[in-house]
Amino acid sequence: MVSTTAALVVALSLIPLLYLLIRAAQKPVNESIALLVRVKTLEVVGTTALLVLMVVLLTGFFGLVIAAGLHFLELPAKPWLVIPAVLPLAIPSYVFTYTWIAFAPGFSGFFAAVLILFLTTLPYVTLASLAGFARVDASQIEVARSLGLTYPKTFFKVVLPQIKTHLSGGLLLAGLYTMSDFGAVSLLNVDTLTVTIQNMYRASYDRTAAAVISLVLIVLSALFVFADENIRRKQQAGVAIKTTTIKSALIKRSSYVATTSALIGVYAVLAIVIPVYVLLSRFFSNTVEISWQLLLQASFSTITVALLGALIALLLSIPLGILLTERSNRFSQFSSRLILIAHALPGVVVGLALVSFGSKLGPIYQSTFLLAFAYSLLFLAKSIASMSASLRAVPTGAKEVAATLGLNRWLVLKNVVTPIAFPGIALGAVLVFLTAMKELPATLMLRPTGFETLATQIWSYAAINRFNEAAPYALILILIAAIPTFILSRPDKSDRNETHAELVG
């Protein structure tokens, strides 16, 4: 029963990929080859690859430094410093972009896109690294220090090898986000694969050409996914049994403390202070009357469809989460890979597929359900990760004791497993909800006629440089998104940082 339901979920998640393969096959082979090898396509692929490389390198370096400081150093108000390091998760890349364009007229081009996407994705790497540091065997650090290794040498020889999988997970998400981003690169006039696909879809309505280019994006995303999987496989092959150890003593070196504090401060200014300052100044200087009815309607629509998408993703993740927890076979491993590759599909590709799919289903086409279903497909991997990780956290002994007391499988699930796993599962649903609220390309393609979300309203005003009118919608989106972001990074619940980062990985 579980395997059958899981197979159905996998089949649903493959709808966008199957659509692209079928649509791309409709284009003659010679035309597809000519499209792929033309100078413009090669330039776009090169731009996308270089953008991803630079963002990954920057987030990898600064994410590691900030996370190491937050974990190993004795910092003032240390628990609360996590907030400015994580809060930018509440701000979509297109909001970052429009605030920076308003703050610095002329802000445009490739390096501007690097900065924006670096600000957007750094929290993923920071959180993933924090989770990795929390699992480092402190006894090995003490041994290395007793042998005379300096702190930097201890970090590179002892600590870094132990957190490779966590770091790889954060970089994977940063890379996939950069690869799939549409709003920031479009506003900054940078031609990437997502912008090219969207332009093909909107301008010429040549869906076969758009499907061919989409396959290029999928191949690049799949390479990224398999590289991360290879790192994990090697790490697992060499993992040793970890004994319980006390936490290592916090480092008090003033130069390290000053550097970490300065980095967090600069990041907070670039990613929080400047965007919020611009939004507030534009809001109060706006001379155009705000349509409060439209603002409230867009807010309600955003929350409603994001909640529905998170609920669908939660329901779809149950069978696969159980399957991945209870048994490890070829089907479960194959399913996990397919879901992860499907997770690599950007919103523009999923939107393109579901536009065609939904147009054949009558009432479902241009409905809020189809939009919510698109959200669930886009972020299903996050929900499955939280589901499987939470179910694995349930002690086997507790389930065995319940079974010996005469409880059947479903009563064990209801009375033992669910109460223990629920907090982690709910956290995953919150993460899906947060991400769905910010999704732009799929929303632009699949929203019903007259259905406006905060993201579409921000985009419609920012695209024509009406920044003052976009400010109220951006402020409301940030305020709403800040609530789940704070839940994910509460300083009084430090274990949640690790749980969130496990979802990233």
Protein backbone atom coordinates (compact mmCIF):
# COMPACT_ATOMS: atom_id res chain seq x y z
CA MET A 1 0.00 0.00 0.00
CA VAL A 2 2.73 2.46 0.99
CA SER A 3 4.87 1.53 -2.03
CA THR A 4 1.91 1.95 -4.41
CA THR A 5 1.03 5.37 -3.00
CA ALA A 6 4.69 6.41 -3.10
CA ALA A 7 4.90 5.37 -6.76
CA LEU A 8 1.86 7.56 -7.48
CA VAL A 9 3.54 10.52 -5.76
CA VAL A 10 6.70 9.98 -7.81
CA ALA A 11 4.61 9.84 -10.99
CA LEU A 12 2.93 13.16 -10.09
CA SER A 13 6.28 14.79 -9.38
CA LEU A 14 7.54 13.71 -12.82
CA ILE A 15 4.73 15.46 -14.72
CA PRO A 16 6.86 18.55 -15.54
CA LEU A 17 9.86 16.47 -16.65
CA LEU A 18 7.76 14.13 -18.82
CA TYR A 19 6.00 17.10 -20.39
CA LEU A 20 9.31 18.71 -21.30
CA LEU A 21 10.62 15.50 -22.85
CA ILE A 22 7.46 15.04 -24.92
CA ARG A 23 7.35 18.69 -26.00
CA ALA A 24 11.06 18.83 -26.83
CA ALA A 25 10.73 15.64 -28.91
CA GLN A 26 8.23 17.45 -31.15
CA LYS A 27 10.98 19.71 -32.44
CA PRO A 28 13.08 18.21 -35.28
CA VAL A 29 16.48 17.00 -34.08
CA ASN A 30 18.43 19.25 -36.43
CA GLU A 31 16.49 22.31 -35.26
CA SER A 32 17.06 21.36 -31.61
CA ILE A 33 20.79 20.97 -32.21
CA ALA A 34 20.94 24.30 -34.04
CA LEU A 35 19.11 25.93 -31.12
CA LEU A 36 21.48 24.44 -28.57
CA VAL A 37 24.73 25.31 -30.35
CA ARG A 38 23.82 28.82 -31.46
CA VAL A 39 26.00 31.57 -30.03
CA LYS A 40 23.20 33.12 -27.98
CA THR A 41 22.40 29.82 -26.23
CA LEU A 42 26.04 29.15 -25.44
CA GLU A 43 26.41 32.67 -24.04
CA VAL A 44 23.34 32.20 -21.83
CA VAL A 45 24.59 28.82 -20.56
CA GLY A 46 28.01 30.34 -19.84
CA THR A 47 26.45 33.30 -18.00
CA THR A 48 24.26 30.99 -15.91
CA ALA A 49 27.15 28.68 -15.05
CA LEU A 50 29.47 31.57 -14.10
CA LEU A 51 26.76 33.18 -11.98
CA VAL A 52 26.16 29.92 -10.11
CA LEU A 53 29.91 29.38 -9.62
CA MET A 54 30.51 32.83 -8.16
CA VAL A 55 27.50 32.67 -5.84
CA VAL A 56 28.48 29.19 -4.61
CA LEU A 57 32.07 30.29 -3.93
CA LEU A 58 31.02 33.44 -2.07
CA THR A 59 28.29 31.79 -0.01
CA GLY A 60 30.56 28.84 0.74
CA PHE A 61 33.34 31.03 2.12
CA PHE A 62 31.29 33.58 4.05
CA GLY A 63 28.69 31.04 5.18
CA LEU A 64 31.42 28.89 6.69
CA VAL A 65 33.12 31.84 8.41
CA ILE A 66 29.90 33.22 9.90
CA ALA A 67 28.65 29.80 11.00
CA ALA A 68 32.02 28.91 12.54
CA GLY A 69 31.99 32.17 14.48
CA LEU A 70 28.44 31.61 15.70
CA HIS A 71 29.26 28.10 16.87
CA PHE A 72 32.83 28.20 18.17
CA LEU A 73 33.30 31.78 19.41
CA GLU A 74 32.15 33.47 22.59
CA LEU A 75 30.16 36.28 21.00
CA PRO A 76 28.11 38.95 22.80
CA ALA A 77 24.36 38.20 22.61
CA LYS A 78 25.31 35.10 20.66
CA PRO A 79 21.87 33.42 20.37
CA TRP A 80 20.35 36.57 18.91
CA LEU A 81 23.06 36.98 16.28
CA VAL A 82 21.48 34.07 14.42
CA ILE A 83 18.51 36.32 13.56
CA PRO A 84 20.32 38.82 11.29
CA ALA A 85 22.17 35.89 9.72
CA VAL A 86 18.90 34.12 8.86
CA LEU A 87 16.24 36.85 8.55
CA PRO A 88 17.05 37.60 4.85
CA LEU A 89 15.35 34.26 4.10
CA ALA A 90 12.12 36.26 4.44
CA ILE A 91 13.10 38.60 1.59
CA PRO A 92 12.71 37.31 -2.00
CA SER A 93 15.48 38.01 -4.48
CA TYR A 94 13.25 40.27 -6.59
CA VAL A 95 12.53 42.44 -3.52
CA PHE A 96 16.25 42.67 -2.80
CA THR A 97 16.77 43.69 -6.41
CA TYR A 98 14.14 46.37 -6.59
CA THR A 99 15.22 47.94 -3.29
CA TRP A 100 18.84 48.06 -4.42
CA ILE A 101 17.85 49.56 -7.77
CA ALA A 102 15.87 52.21 -5.90
CA PHE A 103 18.77 52.76 -3.47
CA ALA A 104 21.48 52.96 -6.15
CA PRO A 105 20.15 54.01 -9.58
CA GLY A 106 22.15 52.29 -12.28
CA PHE A 107 22.48 49.13 -10.19
CA SER A 108 22.39 46.49 -12.91
CA GLY A 109 24.36 43.80 -14.70
CA PHE A 110 26.11 40.55 -13.90
CA PHE A 111 27.98 41.55 -10.75
CA ALA A 112 24.85 43.18 -9.36
CA ALA A 113 23.12 39.82 -9.81
CA VAL A 114 25.99 38.08 -8.01
CA LEU A 115 25.57 40.43 -5.03
CA ILE A 116 21.79 40.03 -4.86
CA LEU A 117 21.84 36.24 -5.11
CA PHE A 118 24.69 36.08 -2.60
CA LEU A 119 22.60 38.08 -0.12
CA THR A 120 19.59 35.86 -0.83
CA THR A 121 21.24 32.44 -0.51
CA LEU A 122 23.86 32.99 2.22
CA PRO A 123 21.46 31.96 5.05
CA TYR A 124 21.08 28.48 3.53
CA VAL A 125 24.82 27.83 3.72
CA THR A 126 25.10 29.41 7.17
CA LEU A 127 22.32 27.25 8.59
CA ALA A 128 23.63 24.09 6.94
CA SER A 129 27.12 24.75 8.30
CA LEU A 130 25.73 25.42 11.79
CA ALA A 131 24.01 22.04 11.72
CA GLY A 132 27.26 20.41 10.67
CA PHE A 133 29.26 22.11 13.42
CA ALA A 134 26.71 20.92 15.99
CA ARG A 135 27.59 17.32 15.04
CA VAL A 136 31.36 17.70 15.05
CA ASP A 137 33.13 15.40 17.51
CA ALA A 138 34.59 17.85 20.02
CA SER A 139 37.05 15.25 21.33
CA GLN A 140 38.86 15.28 17.99
CA ILE A 141 39.24 19.05 18.25
CA GLU A 142 40.74 18.70 21.72
CA VAL A 143 43.19 16.06 20.50
CA ALA A 144 44.24 18.25 17.56
CA ARG A 145 44.78 21.22 19.85
CA SER A 146 46.79 19.13 22.31
CA LEU A 147 49.07 18.12 19.42
CA GLY A 148 49.87 21.77 18.79
CA LEU A 149 47.63 22.46 15.78
CA THR A 150 46.51 26.08 15.48
CA TYR A 151 42.82 26.94 15.24
CA PRO A 152 42.91 27.37 11.42
CA LYS A 153 44.78 24.06 10.94
CA THR A 154 42.38 22.30 13.32
CA PHE A 155 39.44 23.69 11.34
CA PHE A 156 40.71 22.52 7.96
CA LYS A 157 42.10 19.15 9.09
CA VAL A 158 39.53 18.09 11.70
CA VAL A 159 36.33 20.14 11.48
CA LEU A 160 35.80 20.74 7.77
CA PRO A 161 36.00 17.04 6.74
CA GLN A 162 33.22 16.26 9.24
CA ILE A 163 30.76 18.83 7.85
CA LYS A 164 31.22 18.23 4.12
CA THR A 165 27.73 16.81 3.64
CA HIS A 166 26.06 19.70 5.46
CA LEU A 167 28.09 22.27 3.57
CA SER A 168 27.36 20.48 0.30
CA GLY A 169 23.63 20.55 1.09
CA GLY A 170 23.69 24.30 1.70
CA LEU A 171 25.71 24.95 -1.45
CA LEU A 172 23.35 22.70 -3.42
CA LEU A 173 20.37 24.80 -2.41
CA ALA A 174 22.25 28.04 -3.06
CA GLY A 175 23.29 26.80 -6.50
CA LEU A 176 19.84 25.54 -7.47
CA TYR A 177 18.24 28.78 -6.26
CA THR A 178 20.67 30.81 -8.34
CA MET A 179 20.15 28.59 -11.37
CA SER A 180 16.36 28.86 -11.14
CA ASP A 181 16.06 32.53 -10.17
CA PHE A 182 14.03 34.66 -12.53
CA GLY A 183 13.01 37.87 -10.75
CA ALA A 184 16.44 39.23 -9.82
CA VAL A 185 18.25 38.45 -13.07
CA SER A 186 15.33 39.75 -15.12
CA LEU A 187 15.21 43.10 -13.29
CA LEU A 188 19.01 43.38 -13.55
CA ASN A 189 19.04 42.66 -17.30
CA VAL A 190 21.12 39.49 -17.04
CA ASP A 191 20.31 36.82 -19.63
CA THR A 192 20.22 33.45 -17.89
CA LEU A 193 18.48 30.23 -18.85
CA THR A 194 15.36 31.05 -16.84
CA VAL A 195 15.02 34.48 -18.46
CA THR A 196 15.50 32.94 -21.92
CA ILE A 197 12.85 30.30 -21.26
CA GLN A 198 10.38 32.89 -19.96
CA ASN A 199 11.02 35.18 -22.95
CA MET A 200 10.49 32.31 -25.40
CA TYR A 201 7.25 31.42 -23.67
CA ARG A 202 5.90 34.98 -23.59
CA ALA A 203 7.19 36.46 -26.85
CA SER A 204 6.95 33.80 -29.54
CA TYR A 205 4.88 31.24 -27.65
CA ASP A 206 7.33 28.65 -29.04
CA ARG A 207 6.91 26.06 -26.33
CA THR A 208 9.01 23.44 -28.10
CA ALA A 209 12.05 25.74 -28.13
CA ALA A 210 11.37 26.69 -24.52
CA ALA A 211 11.19 22.98 -23.64
CA VAL A 212 14.54 22.27 -25.33
CA ILE A 213 16.24 25.09 -23.40
CA SER A 214 14.52 23.87 -20.22
CA LEU A 215 16.15 20.48 -20.67
CA VAL A 216 19.54 22.20 -20.64
CA LEU A 217 18.63 23.76 -17.32
CA ILE A 218 17.53 20.38 -15.98
CA VAL A 219 20.80 18.75 -17.08
CA LEU A 220 22.82 21.42 -15.27
CA SER A 221 20.64 21.04 -12.17
CA ALA A 222 20.98 17.24 -12.28
CA LEU A 223 24.77 17.53 -12.48
CA PHE A 224 24.65 19.71 -9.37
CA VAL A 225 22.44 17.19 -7.58
CA PHE A 226 24.65 14.22 -8.49
CA ALA A 227 27.78 16.09 -7.41
CA ASP A 228 26.20 16.64 -3.99
CA GLU A 229 25.14 12.98 -3.84
CA ASN A 230 28.69 11.87 -4.67
CA ILE A 231 30.07 13.96 -1.79
CA ARG A 232 27.53 12.43 0.57
CA ARG A 233 28.31 8.90 -0.57
CA LYS A 234 32.03 9.39 0.03
CA GLN A 235 31.37 10.96 3.43
CA GLN A 236 29.11 8.09 4.49
CA ALA A 237 31.65 5.52 3.29
CA GLY A 238 34.28 6.94 5.62
CA VAL A 239 32.08 7.80 8.58
CA ALA A 240 33.04 6.41 11.95
CA ILE A 241 30.93 5.71 14.98
CA LYS A 242 30.79 8.89 17.01
CA THR A 243 30.98 8.74 20.74
CA THR A 244 29.21 11.21 22.98
CA THR A 245 31.48 14.09 23.90
CA ILE A 246 31.19 17.36 25.73
CA LYS A 247 31.10 20.56 23.75
CA SER A 248 34.43 22.16 23.04
CA ALA A 249 35.28 25.31 24.97
CA LEU A 250 34.30 28.55 23.26
CA ILE A 251 37.10 30.57 21.71
CA LYS A 252 37.57 34.08 23.10
CA ARG A 253 40.22 35.42 20.69
CA SER A 254 39.34 39.07 20.09
CA SER A 255 40.40 39.16 16.43
CA TYR A 256 38.08 36.25 15.58
CA VAL A 257 35.21 37.79 17.55
CA ALA A 258 35.68 41.17 15.86
CA THR A 259 35.85 39.62 12.38
CA THR A 260 32.71 37.54 12.85
CA SER A 261 30.77 40.41 14.40
CA ALA A 262 31.85 42.72 11.55
CA LEU A 263 30.81 40.19 8.89
CA ILE A 264 27.38 39.68 10.45
CA GLY A 265 27.01 43.44 10.84
CA VAL A 266 27.93 44.18 7.21
CA TYR A 267 25.64 41.42 5.99
CA ALA A 268 22.79 42.76 8.14
CA VAL A 269 23.27 46.24 6.67
CA LEU A 270 23.36 44.98 3.07
CA ALA A 271 20.57 42.40 3.39
CA ILE A 272 18.24 43.92 5.99
CA VAL A 273 18.91 47.58 6.83
CA ILE A 274 19.18 48.92 3.26
CA PRO A 275 16.14 47.00 1.87
CA VAL A 276 13.95 47.88 4.86
CA TYR A 277 15.12 51.53 4.79
CA VAL A 278 14.28 51.79 1.08
CA LEU A 279 10.87 50.16 1.53
CA LEU A 280 9.94 52.41 4.45
CA SER A 281 11.18 55.59 2.77
CA ARG A 282 9.35 54.72 -0.46
CA PHE A 283 6.24 53.82 1.49
CA PHE A 284 6.09 57.13 3.36
CA SER A 285 7.00 59.20 0.29
CA ASN A 286 4.40 57.52 -1.88
CA THR A 287 1.97 60.10 -3.29
CA VAL A 288 -0.26 57.54 -4.97
CA GLU A 289 -3.19 56.46 -2.85
CA ILE A 290 -2.81 52.89 -1.62
CA SER A 291 -5.62 50.50 -2.46
CA TRP A 292 -5.97 48.85 0.92
CA GLN A 293 -8.59 46.49 -0.44
CA LEU A 294 -6.20 45.22 -3.12
CA LEU A 295 -3.37 45.00 -0.57
CA LEU A 296 -5.47 42.93 1.83
CA GLN A 297 -6.79 40.78 -1.00
CA ALA A 298 -3.27 40.09 -2.30
CA SER A 299 -2.12 39.25 1.25
CA PHE A 300 -5.02 36.88 1.78
CA SER A 301 -4.45 35.24 -1.61
CA THR A 302 -0.73 34.80 -0.88
CA ILE A 303 -1.31 33.17 2.50
CA THR A 304 -4.18 30.99 1.26
CA VAL A 305 -2.49 29.52 -1.80
CA ALA A 306 0.84 29.05 0.02
CA LEU A 307 -0.92 27.22 2.87
CA LEU A 308 -2.77 25.02 0.37
CA GLY A 309 0.51 24.26 -1.42
CA ALA A 310 2.20 23.38 1.89
CA LEU A 311 -0.74 21.13 2.83
CA ILE A 312 -0.64 19.28 -0.51
CA ALA A 313 3.13 18.84 -0.20
CA LEU A 314 2.67 17.50 3.34
CA LEU A 315 0.09 14.93 2.20
CA LEU A 316 2.21 13.85 -0.76
CA SER A 317 5.29 13.48 1.43
CA ILE A 318 3.71 11.01 3.87
CA PRO A 319 4.04 7.79 1.80
CA LEU A 320 7.54 8.61 0.56
CA GLY A 321 8.66 9.70 4.01
CA ILE A 322 7.46 6.40 5.48
CA LEU A 323 9.04 4.42 2.65
CA LEU A 324 12.42 6.13 3.00
CA THR A 325 12.35 5.57 6.76
CA GLU A 326 11.22 1.96 6.94
CA ARG A 327 13.14 0.39 4.07
CA SER A 328 16.13 1.20 1.91
CA ASN A 329 15.86 -0.53 -1.45
CA ARG A 330 16.39 0.38 -5.06
CA PHE A 331 12.90 1.79 -5.44
CA SER A 332 13.21 4.09 -2.43
CA GLN A 333 16.67 5.27 -3.54
CA PHE A 334 15.45 5.77 -7.11
CA SER A 335 12.40 7.68 -5.85
CA SER A 336 14.55 9.89 -3.66
CA ARG A 337 16.78 10.83 -6.58
CA LEU A 338 13.85 11.57 -8.86
CA ILE A 339 12.22 13.80 -6.26
CA LEU A 340 15.49 15.68 -5.75
CA ILE A 341 15.95 16.20 -9.49
CA ALA A 342 12.33 17.35 -9.74
CA HIS A 343 13.13 19.77 -6.88
CA ALA A 344 15.86 21.21 -9.11
CA LEU A 345 13.24 22.27 -11.66
CA PRO A 346 12.76 26.05 -11.49
CA GLY A 347 9.34 27.64 -11.23
CA VAL A 348 9.38 28.74 -14.86
CA VAL A 349 9.81 25.12 -16.04
CA VAL A 350 7.12 23.73 -13.72
CA GLY A 351 4.81 26.55 -14.76
CA LEU A 352 5.44 25.85 -18.42
CA ALA A 353 4.60 22.17 -17.94
CA LEU A 354 1.49 22.68 -15.84
CA VAL A 355 0.10 25.32 -18.21
CA SER A 356 -0.06 22.64 -20.89
CA PHE A 357 -1.13 19.90 -18.47
CA GLY A 358 -3.83 22.02 -16.83
CA SER A 359 -5.26 23.26 -20.14
CA LYS A 360 -6.44 19.70 -20.84
CA LEU A 361 -8.23 19.34 -17.50
CA GLY A 362 -10.98 21.90 -17.93
CA PRO A 363 -11.97 23.50 -14.60
CA ILE A 364 -8.55 22.86 -13.03
CA TYR A 365 -6.84 25.15 -15.54
CA GLN A 366 -6.16 28.63 -14.11
CA SER A 367 -7.40 27.60 -10.68
CA THR A 368 -5.84 28.24 -7.31
CA PHE A 369 -5.61 24.47 -6.83
CA LEU A 370 -3.33 24.10 -9.87
CA LEU A 371 -1.13 26.93 -8.57
CA ALA A 372 -0.97 25.32 -5.12
CA PHE A 373 -0.20 21.96 -6.77
CA ALA A 374 2.68 23.63 -8.61
CA TYR A 375 4.02 24.89 -5.27
CA SER A 376 3.77 21.38 -3.81
CA LEU A 377 5.75 19.92 -6.73
CA LEU A 378 8.38 22.63 -6.53
CA PHE A 379 9.00 22.18 -2.81
CA LEU A 380 8.03 18.53 -2.28
CA ALA A 381 11.65 17.58 -1.58
CA LYS A 382 11.71 19.90 1.46
CA SER A 383 8.55 18.33 2.86
CA ILE A 384 9.83 14.78 2.25
CA ALA A 385 13.14 15.65 3.93
CA SER A 386 11.36 16.89 7.05
CA MET A 387 9.00 13.91 7.04
CA SER A 388 11.71 11.25 6.73
CA ALA A 389 14.09 13.00 9.16
CA SER A 390 11.33 13.38 11.76
CA LEU A 391 10.23 9.76 11.41
CA ARG A 392 13.83 8.57 11.79
CA ALA A 393 14.05 10.53 15.04
CA VAL A 394 11.38 8.31 16.61
CA PRO A 395 13.17 5.74 18.85
CA THR A 396 12.79 2.21 17.52
CA GLY A 397 12.37 0.98 21.08
CA ALA A 398 9.27 3.11 21.61
CA LYS A 399 7.59 1.57 18.57
CA GLU A 400 8.58 -1.95 19.63
CA VAL A 401 7.21 -1.47 23.14
CA ALA A 402 3.93 -0.16 21.73
CA ALA A 403 3.69 -3.18 19.43
CA THR A 404 4.27 -5.60 22.33
CA LEU A 405 1.36 -3.92 24.15
CA GLY A 406 -0.95 -5.04 21.37
CA LEU A 407 -1.19 -1.85 19.33
CA ASN A 408 -1.48 -2.41 15.60
CA ARG A 409 0.61 -0.48 13.07
CA TRP A 410 -1.84 2.39 12.68
CA LEU A 411 -2.30 2.83 16.44
CA VAL A 412 1.48 2.90 16.86
CA LEU A 413 1.63 5.56 14.16
CA LYS A 414 -1.14 7.59 15.80
CA ASN A 415 -0.19 7.29 19.48
CA VAL A 416 3.61 6.97 19.38
CA VAL A 417 5.14 8.09 16.09
CA THR A 418 3.01 11.16 15.34
CA PRO A 419 3.44 12.97 18.69
CA ILE A 420 7.24 12.57 18.52
CA ALA A 421 7.65 13.38 14.82
CA PHE A 422 5.07 16.15 14.59
CA PRO A 423 7.30 19.13 15.52
CA GLY A 424 9.84 18.31 12.78
CA ILE A 425 7.11 17.62 10.23
CA ALA A 426 5.41 20.92 11.08
CA LEU A 427 8.73 22.71 10.70
CA GLY A 428 9.04 21.30 7.19
CA ALA A 429 5.53 22.51 6.36
CA VAL A 430 6.47 25.99 7.63
CA LEU A 431 9.53 25.98 5.36
CA VAL A 432 7.40 25.01 2.33
CA PHE A 433 4.88 27.74 3.22
CA LEU A 434 7.65 30.34 3.49
CA THR A 435 9.18 29.36 0.15
CA ALA A 436 5.83 29.17 -1.64
CA MET A 437 4.89 32.71 -0.59
CA LYS A 438 7.94 34.07 -2.44
CA GLU A 439 7.60 31.99 -5.62
CA LEU A 440 7.29 34.26 -8.68
CA PRO A 441 7.65 32.55 -12.13
CA ALA A 442 5.15 29.73 -11.50
CA THR A 443 2.71 32.23 -9.99
CA LEU A 444 2.96 34.51 -13.03
CA MET A 445 2.22 31.57 -15.34
CA LEU A 446 -0.46 29.71 -13.40
CA ARG A 447 -2.44 32.28 -11.42
CA PRO A 448 -6.14 32.53 -12.25
CA THR A 449 -7.30 35.59 -14.15
CA GLY A 450 -7.60 38.50 -11.72
CA PHE A 451 -5.82 36.56 -8.95
CA GLU A 452 -3.06 38.71 -7.50
CA THR A 453 -0.53 37.74 -4.85
CA LEU A 454 1.96 39.96 -3.10
CA ALA A 455 4.70 38.59 -5.36
CA THR A 456 2.83 39.40 -8.58
CA GLN A 457 1.94 42.89 -7.35
CA ILE A 458 5.54 43.62 -6.42
CA TRP A 459 6.67 42.35 -9.80
CA SER A 460 4.11 44.34 -11.80
CA TYR A 461 5.16 47.61 -10.16
CA ALA A 462 8.90 46.98 -9.91
CA ALA A 463 9.14 45.91 -13.57
CA ILE A 464 8.09 49.41 -14.64
CA ASN A 465 10.13 51.20 -11.93
CA ARG A 466 7.11 52.25 -9.86
CA PHE A 467 8.97 51.50 -6.66
CA ASN A 468 6.84 53.63 -4.36
CA GLU A 469 3.71 51.69 -5.28
CA ALA A 470 5.49 48.35 -4.85
CA ALA A 471 6.71 49.23 -1.35
CA PRO A 472 3.50 48.41 0.62
CA TYR A 473 3.26 44.95 -0.96
CA ALA A 474 6.94 44.23 -0.33
CA LEU A 475 6.69 45.33 3.30
CA ILE A 476 3.65 43.14 3.93
CA LEU A 477 5.33 40.15 2.25
CA ILE A 478 8.44 40.58 4.42
CA LEU A 479 6.37 40.96 7.58
CA ILE A 480 4.36 37.83 6.83
CA ALA A 481 7.45 35.84 5.81
CA ALA A 482 9.38 37.03 8.87
CA ILE A 483 7.04 35.08 11.16
CA PRO A 484 7.88 31.59 9.81
CA THR A 485 11.52 32.66 9.39
CA PHE A 486 11.67 33.58 13.09
CA ILE A 487 10.04 30.25 13.98
CA LEU A 488 12.74 28.47 11.99
CA SER A 489 15.57 30.32 13.74
CA ARG A 490 14.34 31.12 17.25
CA PRO A 491 17.39 31.86 19.41
CA ASP A 492 15.78 30.08 22.38
CA LYS A 493 15.36 26.94 20.26
CA SER A 494 18.87 26.35 18.96
CA ASP A 495 18.01 22.80 17.91
CA ARG A 496 15.68 24.22 15.29
CA ASN A 497 18.61 25.64 13.38
CA GLU A 498 19.93 22.13 12.97
CA THR A 499 16.50 20.80 11.98
CA HIS A 500 16.09 23.53 9.39
CA ALA A 501 19.52 22.82 7.98
CA GLU A 502 18.71 19.12 7.78
CA LEU A 503 15.83 20.10 5.49
CA VAL A 504 18.29 22.07 3.37
CA GLY A 505 20.46 18.98 2.99
